[in-house]
Amino acid sequence: MQFFFVRDHRRKYRYFSSEPVSQIQIKTSRWKELWELAKKKLMLLPQRILRQEQAFGKALKSKEDKIQIFYSGRPGKKRIQTRFYFFLQRQRTKHILLLVGEIILLPISGLAAFLPGPNVFFGVLALLMITHWQALRGINKTLKKKFEFVPSPLFREWEQARESKEENKYPQIFKKIEKEFHLDGIQKVLWK
């Protein structure tokens, strides 16, 4: 599995893996319809957020001690290591705050059980909590691993085109990146 740490069109770093976006696996028997509906709603999240959450979650399954991360090569290795470390710290803080907020909203969404029909609010909130919890655990596990940053000329070309605002080159660059790294829908992660 390959990991990437690249700036998007808003100059924010995005962290994602080469794994395609997949449904979250939760085994339930009693509330199966509710979970299926909630999973469909979760898949409506923007690709850049969904891919990042799943990349953090994939770290839980990784047995390797070293993670290979592709980046543009523009900042030096020491600088990108520092940025990546602070990026992970910021994401960990964000996920902790999101979990606290979701825990506060959980009893309120439970009140929707009095409404007729399935409690979709509770299901979606519970699924988001599971996703954020898995991502938080993945971030903590990722922080304990060693990183090997590998410069990629394709991501360098993307960042140069983005800085010079040459939007006509974007589709060609995205096609090259998709072909090289087998990343379907990369334009939804890095651009719009």
C-alpha atoms as a PDB file:
ATOM      1  CA  MET A   1       0.000   0.000   0.000  1.00  0.00           C
ATOM      2  CA  GLN A   2       1.253   3.474  -0.864  1.00  0.00           C
ATOM      3  CA  PHE A   3       0.621   6.674   1.080  1.00  0.00           C
ATOM      4  CA  PHE A   4       0.683  10.256  -0.233  1.00  0.00           C
ATOM      5  CA  PHE A   5       1.149  13.659   1.432  1.00  0.00           C
ATOM      6  CA  VAL A   6       0.455  16.351  -1.171  1.00  0.00           C
ATOM      7  CA  ARG A   7      -0.923  19.888  -1.253  1.00  0.00           C
ATOM      8  CA  ASP A   8      -4.325  20.402  -2.862  1.00  0.00           C
ATOM      9  CA  HIS A   9      -5.561  23.417  -4.831  1.00  0.00           C
ATOM     10  CA  ARG A  10      -6.082  25.381  -1.582  1.00  0.00           C
ATOM     11  CA  ARG A  11      -2.464  24.753  -0.492  1.00  0.00           C
ATOM     12  CA  LYS A  12      -3.607  22.418   2.301  1.00  0.00           C
ATOM     13  CA  TYR A  13      -1.826  19.136   2.748  1.00  0.00           C
ATOM     14  CA  ARG A  14      -3.844  15.993   2.009  1.00  0.00           C
ATOM     15  CA  TYR A  15      -2.912  12.557   3.270  1.00  0.00           C
ATOM     16  CA  PHE A  16      -4.358   9.545   1.476  1.00  0.00           C
ATOM     17  CA  SER A  17      -3.557   5.996   0.418  1.00  0.00           C
ATOM     18  CA  SER A  18      -3.617   4.091  -2.839  1.00  0.00           C
ATOM     19  CA  GLU A  19      -6.475   1.907  -1.596  1.00  0.00           C
ATOM     20  CA  PRO A  20      -9.800   2.688  -3.275  1.00  0.00           C
ATOM     21  CA  VAL A  21     -12.552   4.137  -1.118  1.00  0.00           C
ATOM     22  CA  SER A  22     -14.533   1.304   0.412  1.00  0.00           C
ATOM     23  CA  GLN A  23     -17.499   0.813   2.672  1.00  0.00           C
ATOM     24  CA  ILE A  24     -16.842   0.560   6.398  1.00  0.00           C
ATOM     25  CA  GLN A  25     -17.360  -3.007   7.527  1.00  0.00           C
ATOM     26  CA  ILE A  26     -19.687  -3.307  10.513  1.00  0.00           C
ATOM     27  CA  LYS A  27     -21.424  -6.573  11.313  1.00  0.00           C
ATOM     28  CA  THR A  28     -24.921  -6.109  12.688  1.00  0.00           C
ATOM     29  CA  SER A  29     -28.023  -8.179  12.468  1.00  0.00           C
ATOM     30  CA  ARG A  30     -30.714  -6.212  14.277  1.00  0.00           C
ATOM     31  CA  TRP A  31     -30.213  -2.790  12.766  1.00  0.00           C
ATOM     32  CA  LYS A  32     -28.877  -3.834   9.385  1.00  0.00           C
ATOM     33  CA  GLU A  33     -31.119  -1.483   7.373  1.00  0.00           C
ATOM     34  CA  LEU A  34     -30.176   1.460   9.563  1.00  0.00           C
ATOM     35  CA  TRP A  35     -26.464   0.774   9.190  1.00  0.00           C
ATOM     36  CA  GLU A  36     -26.729   0.335   5.432  1.00  0.00           C
ATOM     37  CA  LEU A  37     -28.516   3.665   5.112  1.00  0.00           C
ATOM     38  CA  ALA A  38     -25.963   5.368   7.370  1.00  0.00           C
ATOM     39  CA  LYS A  39     -23.072   3.891   5.363  1.00  0.00           C
ATOM     40  CA  LYS A  40     -24.582   5.265   2.164  1.00  0.00           C
ATOM     41  CA  LYS A  41     -24.872   8.702   3.778  1.00  0.00           C
ATOM     42  CA  LEU A  42     -21.241   8.521   4.931  1.00  0.00           C
ATOM     43  CA  MET A  43     -20.072   7.750   1.399  1.00  0.00           C
ATOM     44  CA  LEU A  44     -21.510  11.137   0.386  1.00  0.00           C
ATOM     45  CA  LEU A  45     -18.682  12.906   2.248  1.00  0.00           C
ATOM     46  CA  PRO A  46     -16.214  14.714  -0.016  1.00  0.00           C
ATOM     47  CA  GLN A  47     -13.541  12.398  -1.432  1.00  0.00           C
ATOM     48  CA  ARG A  48     -10.667  14.335   0.148  1.00  0.00           C
ATOM     49  CA  ILE A  49     -12.116  13.831   3.633  1.00  0.00           C
ATOM     50  CA  LEU A  50     -13.246  10.248   3.113  1.00  0.00           C
ATOM     51  CA  ARG A  51      -9.912   9.148   1.643  1.00  0.00           C
ATOM     52  CA  GLN A  52      -7.973  10.789   4.457  1.00  0.00           C
ATOM     53  CA  GLU A  53     -10.104   9.120   7.132  1.00  0.00           C
ATOM     54  CA  GLN A  54      -9.670   5.762   5.469  1.00  0.00           C
ATOM     55  CA  ALA A  55      -5.905   6.257   5.094  1.00  0.00           C
ATOM     56  CA  PHE A  56      -5.702   6.820   8.842  1.00  0.00           C
ATOM     57  CA  GLY A  57      -7.844   3.739   9.408  1.00  0.00           C
ATOM     58  CA  LYS A  58      -5.613   1.630   7.138  1.00  0.00           C
ATOM     59  CA  ALA A  59      -2.694   2.291   9.487  1.00  0.00           C
ATOM     60  CA  LEU A  60      -4.383   0.015  12.029  1.00  0.00           C
ATOM     61  CA  LYS A  61      -4.094  -2.944   9.660  1.00  0.00           C
ATOM     62  CA  SER A  62      -0.542  -2.216   8.545  1.00  0.00           C
ATOM     63  CA  LYS A  63       2.038  -4.573  10.050  1.00  0.00           C
ATOM     64  CA  GLU A  64       5.010  -2.721   8.601  1.00  0.00           C
ATOM     65  CA  ASP A  65       7.296  -0.715  10.861  1.00  0.00           C
ATOM     66  CA  LYS A  66       8.112   1.799   8.135  1.00  0.00           C
ATOM     67  CA  ILE A  67       5.630   3.780   6.026  1.00  0.00           C
ATOM     68  CA  GLN A  68       6.595   4.976   2.563  1.00  0.00           C
ATOM     69  CA  ILE A  69       4.978   8.343   1.787  1.00  0.00           C
ATOM     70  CA  PHE A  70       5.128  10.001  -1.623  1.00  0.00           C
ATOM     71  CA  TYR A  71       5.301  13.790  -1.805  1.00  0.00           C
ATOM     72  CA  SER A  72       6.277  16.471  -4.309  1.00  0.00           C
ATOM     73  CA  GLY A  73       9.895  16.769  -3.227  1.00  0.00           C
ATOM     74  CA  ARG A  74       9.721  20.541  -3.078  1.00  0.00           C
ATOM     75  CA  PRO A  75      10.381  21.038   0.640  1.00  0.00           C
ATOM     76  CA  GLY A  76      13.434  19.269   2.012  1.00  0.00           C
ATOM     77  CA  LYS A  77      13.102  15.928   3.805  1.00  0.00           C
ATOM     78  CA  LYS A  78      13.574  17.427   7.266  1.00  0.00           C
ATOM     79  CA  ARG A  79      10.979  20.090   6.583  1.00  0.00           C
ATOM     80  CA  ILE A  80       8.417  17.648   5.192  1.00  0.00           C
ATOM     81  CA  GLN A  81       8.969  15.349   8.193  1.00  0.00           C
ATOM     82  CA  THR A  82       8.281  18.252  10.527  1.00  0.00           C
ATOM     83  CA  ARG A  83       5.196  19.311   8.570  1.00  0.00           C
ATOM     84  CA  PHE A  84       3.883  15.757   8.496  1.00  0.00           C
ATOM     85  CA  TYR A  85       4.406  15.352  12.241  1.00  0.00           C
ATOM     86  CA  PHE A  86       2.532  18.593  12.992  1.00  0.00           C
ATOM     87  CA  PHE A  87      -0.145  17.626  10.456  1.00  0.00           C
ATOM     88  CA  LEU A  88      -0.718  14.368  12.365  1.00  0.00           C
ATOM     89  CA  GLN A  89      -0.815  16.223  15.686  1.00  0.00           C
ATOM     90  CA  ARG A  90      -3.377  18.689  14.311  1.00  0.00           C
ATOM     91  CA  GLN A  91      -5.483  15.829  12.926  1.00  0.00           C
ATOM     92  CA  ARG A  92      -5.343  14.016  16.260  1.00  0.00           C
ATOM     93  CA  THR A  93      -6.545  17.124  18.105  1.00  0.00           C
ATOM     94  CA  LYS A  94      -9.289  17.653  15.520  1.00  0.00           C
ATOM     95  CA  HIS A  95     -10.493  14.049  15.843  1.00  0.00           C
ATOM     96  CA  ILE A  96     -10.542  14.251  19.636  1.00  0.00           C
ATOM     97  CA  LEU A  97     -12.652  17.425  19.470  1.00  0.00           C
ATOM     98  CA  LEU A  98     -14.979  15.852  16.891  1.00  0.00           C
ATOM     99  CA  LEU A  99     -15.457  12.802  19.087  1.00  0.00           C
ATOM    100  CA  VAL A 100     -16.250  14.972  22.103  1.00  0.00           C
ATOM    101  CA  GLY A 101     -18.798  16.939  20.062  1.00  0.00           C
ATOM    102  CA  GLU A 102     -20.361  13.743  18.709  1.00  0.00           C
ATOM    103  CA  ILE A 103     -20.588  12.281  22.211  1.00  0.00           C
ATOM    104  CA  ILE A 104     -22.443  15.424  23.313  1.00  0.00           C
ATOM    105  CA  LEU A 105     -24.835  15.109  20.350  1.00  0.00           C
ATOM    106  CA  LEU A 106     -25.429  11.386  20.865  1.00  0.00           C
ATOM    107  CA  PRO A 107     -28.120  11.708  23.597  1.00  0.00           C
ATOM    108  CA  ILE A 108     -29.866  14.422  21.598  1.00  0.00           C
ATOM    109  CA  SER A 109     -29.975  12.205  18.518  1.00  0.00           C
ATOM    110  CA  GLY A 110     -31.340   9.423  20.721  1.00  0.00           C
ATOM    111  CA  LEU A 111     -34.418  11.572  21.320  1.00  0.00           C
ATOM    112  CA  ALA A 112     -35.220  11.210  17.634  1.00  0.00           C
ATOM    113  CA  ALA A 113     -36.155   7.597  18.458  1.00  0.00           C
ATOM    114  CA  PHE A 114     -39.590   8.908  19.434  1.00  0.00           C
ATOM    115  CA  LEU A 115     -40.187   9.934  15.817  1.00  0.00           C
ATOM    116  CA  PRO A 116     -41.774   7.309  13.558  1.00  0.00           C
ATOM    117  CA  GLY A 117     -39.427   5.323  11.348  1.00  0.00           C
ATOM    118  CA  PRO A 118     -35.790   4.399  11.827  1.00  0.00           C
ATOM    119  CA  ASN A 119     -33.548   6.753  13.774  1.00  0.00           C
ATOM    120  CA  VAL A 120     -31.247   7.724  10.928  1.00  0.00           C
ATOM    121  CA  PHE A 121     -29.751  10.622  12.897  1.00  0.00           C
ATOM    122  CA  PHE A 122     -28.448   8.277  15.568  1.00  0.00           C
ATOM    123  CA  GLY A 123     -27.153   5.804  12.978  1.00  0.00           C
ATOM    124  CA  VAL A 124     -25.243   8.382  10.965  1.00  0.00           C
ATOM    125  CA  LEU A 125     -23.806   9.915  14.134  1.00  0.00           C
ATOM    126  CA  ALA A 126     -22.765   6.502  15.440  1.00  0.00           C
ATOM    127  CA  LEU A 127     -21.121   5.658  12.120  1.00  0.00           C
ATOM    128  CA  LEU A 128     -19.255   8.974  12.110  1.00  0.00           C
ATOM    129  CA  MET A 129     -18.098   8.269  15.648  1.00  0.00           C
ATOM    130  CA  ILE A 130     -16.809   4.844  14.619  1.00  0.00           C
ATOM    131  CA  THR A 131     -15.002   6.372  11.637  1.00  0.00           C
ATOM    132  CA  HIS A 132     -13.410   9.113  13.735  1.00  0.00           C
ATOM    133  CA  TRP A 133     -12.437   6.625  16.445  1.00  0.00           C
ATOM    134  CA  GLN A 134     -10.746   4.335  13.909  1.00  0.00           C
ATOM    135  CA  ALA A 135      -8.977   7.321  12.359  1.00  0.00           C
ATOM    136  CA  LEU A 136      -7.788   8.514  15.777  1.00  0.00           C
ATOM    137  CA  ARG A 137      -6.397   5.082  16.581  1.00  0.00           C
ATOM    138  CA  GLY A 138      -4.745   5.016  13.148  1.00  0.00           C
ATOM    139  CA  ILE A 139      -3.168   8.443  13.703  1.00  0.00           C
ATOM    140  CA  ASN A 140      -1.765   7.294  17.045  1.00  0.00           C
ATOM    141  CA  LYS A 141      -0.342   4.149  15.443  1.00  0.00           C
ATOM    142  CA  THR A 142       1.081   6.153  12.524  1.00  0.00           C
ATOM    143  CA  LEU A 143       2.883   8.495  14.923  1.00  0.00           C
ATOM    144  CA  LYS A 144       4.773   5.497  16.333  1.00  0.00           C
ATOM    145  CA  LYS A 145       6.088   4.378  12.948  1.00  0.00           C
ATOM    146  CA  LYS A 146       9.074   5.521  10.932  1.00  0.00           C
ATOM    147  CA  PHE A 147       8.450   7.500   7.754  1.00  0.00           C
ATOM    148  CA  GLU A 148      10.287   7.257   4.483  1.00  0.00           C
ATOM    149  CA  PHE A 149       9.465  10.234   2.272  1.00  0.00           C
ATOM    150  CA  VAL A 150       9.860   9.557  -1.445  1.00  0.00           C
ATOM    151  CA  PRO A 151       9.856  12.519  -3.852  1.00  0.00           C
ATOM    152  CA  SER A 152       7.630  12.124  -6.903  1.00  0.00           C
ATOM    153  CA  PRO A 153       8.123  14.241 -10.047  1.00  0.00           C
ATOM    154  CA  LEU A 154       4.404  13.944 -10.881  1.00  0.00           C
ATOM    155  CA  PHE A 155       3.363  15.611  -7.635  1.00  0.00           C
ATOM    156  CA  ARG A 156       6.048  18.232  -8.160  1.00  0.00           C
ATOM    157  CA  GLU A 157       4.557  18.932 -11.598  1.00  0.00           C
ATOM    158  CA  TRP A 158       1.092  19.224  -9.974  1.00  0.00           C
ATOM    159  CA  GLU A 159       2.313  21.725  -7.376  1.00  0.00           C
ATOM    160  CA  GLN A 160       4.121  23.797  -9.991  1.00  0.00           C
ATOM    161  CA  ALA A 161       1.025  23.902 -12.217  1.00  0.00           C
ATOM    162  CA  ARG A 162      -1.103  24.830  -9.209  1.00  0.00           C
ATOM    163  CA  GLU A 163       1.217  27.680  -8.202  1.00  0.00           C
ATOM    164  CA  SER A 164       1.381  29.064 -11.732  1.00  0.00           C
ATOM    165  CA  LYS A 165      -2.434  28.638 -12.004  1.00  0.00           C
ATOM    166  CA  GLU A 166      -2.254  26.711 -15.273  1.00  0.00           C
ATOM    167  CA  GLU A 167      -5.615  24.976 -14.973  1.00  0.00           C
ATOM    168  CA  ASN A 168      -5.460  23.662 -18.539  1.00  0.00           C
ATOM    169  CA  LYS A 169      -2.608  21.309 -17.478  1.00  0.00           C
ATOM    170  CA  TYR A 170      -4.524  19.815 -14.545  1.00  0.00           C
ATOM    171  CA  PRO A 171      -6.405  17.054 -16.448  1.00  0.00           C
ATOM    172  CA  GLN A 172      -3.189  15.801 -18.083  1.00  0.00           C
ATOM    173  CA  ILE A 173      -1.343  15.751 -14.765  1.00  0.00           C
ATOM    174  CA  PHE A 174      -4.209  13.937 -13.035  1.00  0.00           C
ATOM    175  CA  LYS A 175      -4.260  11.295 -15.780  1.00  0.00           C
ATOM    176  CA  LYS A 176      -0.516  10.730 -15.334  1.00  0.00           C
ATOM    177  CA  ILE A 177      -0.891  10.439 -11.561  1.00  0.00           C
ATOM    178  CA  GLU A 178      -3.837   8.036 -11.891  1.00  0.00           C
ATOM    179  CA  LYS A 179      -1.880   5.875 -14.310  1.00  0.00           C
ATOM    180  CA  GLU A 180       1.359   5.885 -12.304  1.00  0.00           C
ATOM    181  CA  PHE A 181      -0.078   5.240  -8.830  1.00  0.00           C
ATOM    182  CA  HIS A 182      -3.470   3.656  -9.707  1.00  0.00           C
ATOM    183  CA  LEU A 183      -5.378   6.437  -7.933  1.00  0.00           C
ATOM    184  CA  ASP A 184      -8.907   6.697  -9.291  1.00  0.00           C
ATOM    185  CA  GLY A 185     -10.581  10.097  -8.882  1.00  0.00           C
ATOM    186  CA  ILE A 186      -7.449  11.941  -7.747  1.00  0.00           C
ATOM    187  CA  GLN A 187      -8.859  15.204  -9.104  1.00  0.00           C
ATOM    188  CA  LYS A 188     -11.599  15.042  -6.424  1.00  0.00           C
ATOM    189  CA  VAL A 189      -8.914  14.876  -3.745  1.00  0.00           C
ATOM    190  CA  LEU A 190      -6.479  17.490  -5.035  1.00  0.00           C
ATOM    191  CA  TRP A 191      -8.730  19.788  -6.992  1.00  0.00           C
ATOM    192  CA  LYS A 192     -12.535  20.231  -7.104  1.00  0.00           C
END
